[in-house]
């Protein structure tokens, strides 16, 4: 009992108030409310659905679906990286990188690749038995591949407008 009283009587000196945050990146909360942010989120969600639906089946028996997986996963990773860069404001920290041109190239190439992948995915659905797990997943992934293509096409348009205004200013 005496020891606990002695321990509670000791007080350590207060620690100085230091700013322990050393990050120079900031979360841009308004990015997810504009059209570019919403389309990037839609591309991430729909693209993820495409590769999850295809990846959950025996897609490796159909070589065309390996192409769909390659496009879906590659575009998903690149889009996720671009989303994090824009969300954290890292693009403002590297002004020497032509971000509008980079976004335009990524979105246009992803739209073209996803269009081919969506067509390949929808044609490959016929190689599965109707009503079975592979058929249902491949049909759903074909639908989401077309939705993702539309999202990338919309992002391509917005990226083109941003690139055009950047070019006009210079």
Protein backbone atom coordinates (compact mmCIF):
# COMPACT_ATOMS: atom_id res chain seq x y z
CA UNK A 1 0.00 0.00 0.00
CA UNK A 2 2.81 2.40 0.88
CA UNK A 3 4.59 1.61 -2.35
CA UNK A 4 1.60 2.46 -4.54
CA UNK A 5 1.22 5.73 -2.67
CA UNK A 6 4.89 6.49 -3.25
CA UNK A 7 4.59 5.63 -6.95
CA UNK A 8 1.58 7.82 -7.46
CA UNK A 9 3.38 10.71 -5.77
CA UNK A 10 6.13 10.73 -8.40
CA UNK A 11 5.39 12.64 -11.49
CA UNK A 12 7.45 12.72 -14.58
CA UNK A 13 8.19 16.08 -16.12
CA UNK A 14 5.77 17.03 -18.91
CA UNK A 15 6.96 16.23 -22.40
CA UNK A 16 7.46 19.16 -24.73
CA UNK A 17 4.84 19.58 -27.41
CA UNK A 18 6.57 18.59 -30.65
CA UNK A 19 4.96 18.40 -34.02
CA UNK A 20 5.53 14.73 -34.76
CA UNK A 21 3.93 14.85 -38.20
CA UNK A 22 6.67 14.97 -40.80
CA UNK A 23 4.49 14.25 -43.80
CA UNK A 24 4.29 16.87 -46.49
CA UNK A 25 1.41 15.10 -48.22
CA UNK A 26 -2.12 16.19 -47.49
CA UNK A 27 -5.39 14.37 -47.99
CA UNK A 28 -7.47 16.20 -50.58
CA UNK A 29 -10.99 15.59 -49.34
CA UNK A 30 -12.57 17.40 -52.29
CA UNK A 31 -10.90 15.19 -54.90
CA UNK A 32 -13.40 12.37 -54.43
CA UNK A 33 -16.31 14.74 -55.01
CA UNK A 34 -15.32 16.00 -58.46
CA UNK A 35 -15.88 14.11 -61.71
CA UNK A 36 -12.27 12.95 -62.07
CA UNK A 37 -12.19 11.48 -58.57
CA UNK A 38 -15.56 9.78 -58.95
CA UNK A 39 -14.55 8.23 -62.26
CA UNK A 40 -11.24 7.02 -60.80
CA UNK A 41 -13.13 5.41 -57.90
CA UNK A 42 -15.55 3.78 -60.35
CA UNK A 43 -12.62 2.49 -62.43
CA UNK A 44 -11.00 1.02 -59.32
CA UNK A 45 -14.20 -0.67 -58.08
CA UNK A 46 -15.38 -1.98 -61.46
CA UNK A 47 -11.89 -3.02 -62.51
CA UNK A 48 -11.47 -4.89 -59.26
CA UNK A 49 -14.77 -6.68 -59.88
CA UNK A 50 -13.56 -7.72 -63.33
CA UNK A 51 -10.38 -9.36 -62.14
CA UNK A 52 -12.00 -10.88 -59.04
CA UNK A 53 -14.81 -12.42 -61.10
CA UNK A 54 -12.41 -13.82 -63.69
CA UNK A 55 -9.78 -14.82 -61.12
CA UNK A 56 -12.31 -16.83 -59.14
CA UNK A 57 -12.78 -19.25 -62.02
CA UNK A 58 -10.72 -21.67 -64.10
CA UNK A 59 -9.79 -18.87 -66.50
CA UNK A 60 -6.31 -20.27 -67.25
CA UNK A 61 -7.92 -22.95 -69.47
CA UNK A 62 -9.07 -20.19 -71.82
CA UNK A 63 -6.07 -18.22 -73.06
CA UNK A 64 -8.19 -15.21 -74.04
CA UNK A 65 -9.18 -14.74 -70.41
CA UNK A 66 -5.52 -14.57 -69.44
CA UNK A 67 -5.40 -11.41 -71.58
CA UNK A 68 -8.46 -10.08 -69.73
CA UNK A 69 -6.74 -10.72 -66.39
CA UNK A 70 -3.56 -9.01 -67.59
CA UNK A 71 -5.44 -5.91 -68.71
CA UNK A 72 -7.68 -5.80 -65.64
CA UNK A 73 -4.91 -6.19 -63.07
CA UNK A 74 -2.43 -3.90 -64.87
CA UNK A 75 -4.93 -1.09 -65.35
CA UNK A 76 -6.24 -1.53 -61.81
CA UNK A 77 -2.77 -1.16 -60.28
CA UNK A 78 -1.91 1.89 -62.42
CA UNK A 79 -5.25 3.54 -61.69
CA UNK A 80 -4.90 2.85 -57.98
CA UNK A 81 -1.45 4.48 -58.00
CA UNK A 82 -2.77 7.52 -59.89
CA UNK A 83 -5.70 7.79 -57.46
CA UNK A 84 -3.37 7.77 -54.45
CA UNK A 85 -1.12 10.37 -56.11
CA UNK A 86 -4.05 12.71 -56.74
CA UNK A 87 -5.69 12.01 -53.39
CA UNK A 88 -2.57 12.82 -51.40
CA UNK A 89 -1.66 15.83 -53.53
CA UNK A 90 1.68 14.31 -54.51
CA UNK A 91 1.17 15.60 -58.05
CA UNK A 92 1.55 19.14 -56.71
CA UNK A 93 4.90 18.20 -55.14
CA UNK A 94 6.32 17.10 -58.51
CA UNK A 95 5.44 19.90 -60.94
CA UNK A 96 8.11 18.77 -63.41
CA UNK A 97 6.00 15.69 -64.24
CA UNK A 98 3.39 16.42 -66.93
CA UNK A 99 0.48 14.98 -64.94
CA UNK A 100 -2.22 15.97 -67.42
CA UNK A 101 -0.36 14.26 -70.26
CA UNK A 102 0.32 11.22 -68.11
CA UNK A 103 -3.36 10.95 -67.14
CA UNK A 104 -4.41 11.38 -70.76
CA UNK A 105 -2.07 8.61 -71.95
CA UNK A 106 -3.09 6.26 -69.14
CA UNK A 107 -6.83 6.80 -69.60
CA UNK A 108 -6.79 6.57 -73.40
CA UNK A 109 -4.66 3.44 -73.45
CA UNK A 110 -6.71 1.86 -70.65
CA UNK A 111 -9.96 2.63 -72.50
CA UNK A 112 -8.63 0.99 -75.68
CA UNK A 113 -7.21 -2.03 -73.85
CA UNK A 114 -10.36 -2.46 -71.78
CA UNK A 115 -12.54 -2.29 -74.89
CA UNK A 116 -10.59 -5.17 -76.42
CA UNK A 117 -10.63 -7.05 -73.11
CA UNK A 118 -14.39 -6.55 -72.72
CA UNK A 119 -15.07 -7.91 -76.20
CA UNK A 120 -12.73 -10.85 -75.60
CA UNK A 121 -14.38 -11.48 -72.24
CA UNK A 122 -17.88 -11.43 -73.69
CA UNK A 123 -16.90 -13.78 -76.56
CA UNK A 124 -15.24 -16.16 -74.08
CA UNK A 125 -18.46 -16.54 -72.10
CA UNK A 126 -19.71 -18.96 -74.76
CA UNK A 127 -16.91 -21.40 -73.88
CA UNK A 128 -18.50 -22.07 -70.49
CA UNK A 129 -21.59 -24.13 -69.76
CA UNK A 130 -24.65 -21.94 -69.23
CA UNK A 131 -25.75 -21.69 -65.60
CA UNK A 132 -22.47 -22.92 -64.17
CA UNK A 133 -20.09 -20.92 -61.96
CA UNK A 134 -17.63 -20.06 -64.75
CA UNK A 135 -20.43 -18.91 -67.06
CA UNK A 136 -22.02 -16.63 -64.46
CA UNK A 137 -18.72 -15.10 -63.37
CA UNK A 138 -17.49 -14.57 -66.92
CA UNK A 139 -20.79 -12.98 -67.94
CA UNK A 140 -20.71 -10.64 -64.95
CA UNK A 141 -17.06 -9.78 -65.59
CA UNK A 142 -17.89 -8.97 -69.23
CA UNK A 143 -20.58 -6.57 -68.05
CA UNK A 144 -18.24 -4.87 -65.60
CA UNK A 145 -15.49 -4.76 -68.24
CA UNK A 146 -17.79 -2.71 -70.48
CA UNK A 147 -18.73 -0.46 -67.55
CA UNK A 148 -15.03 0.03 -66.78
CA UNK A 149 -14.42 0.85 -70.45
CA UNK A 150 -17.05 3.58 -70.23
CA UNK A 151 -15.44 4.94 -67.07
CA UNK A 152 -12.03 5.07 -68.74
CA UNK A 153 -13.58 6.73 -71.80
CA UNK A 154 -15.13 9.38 -69.54
CA UNK A 155 -11.80 9.90 -67.79
CA UNK A 156 -10.12 10.16 -71.19
CA UNK A 157 -12.49 12.95 -72.15
CA UNK A 158 -11.88 14.82 -68.90
CA UNK A 159 -8.13 14.30 -69.22
CA UNK A 160 -8.22 15.59 -72.78
CA UNK A 161 -10.07 18.73 -71.67
CA UNK A 162 -7.55 19.30 -68.86
CA UNK A 163 -4.64 18.68 -71.23
CA UNK A 164 -6.11 21.03 -73.84
CA UNK A 165 -6.54 23.85 -71.31
CA UNK A 166 -2.98 23.27 -70.09
CA UNK A 167 -1.69 23.47 -73.66
CA UNK A 168 -3.70 26.64 -74.34
CA UNK A 169 -2.22 28.36 -71.29
CA UNK A 170 1.34 27.65 -72.42
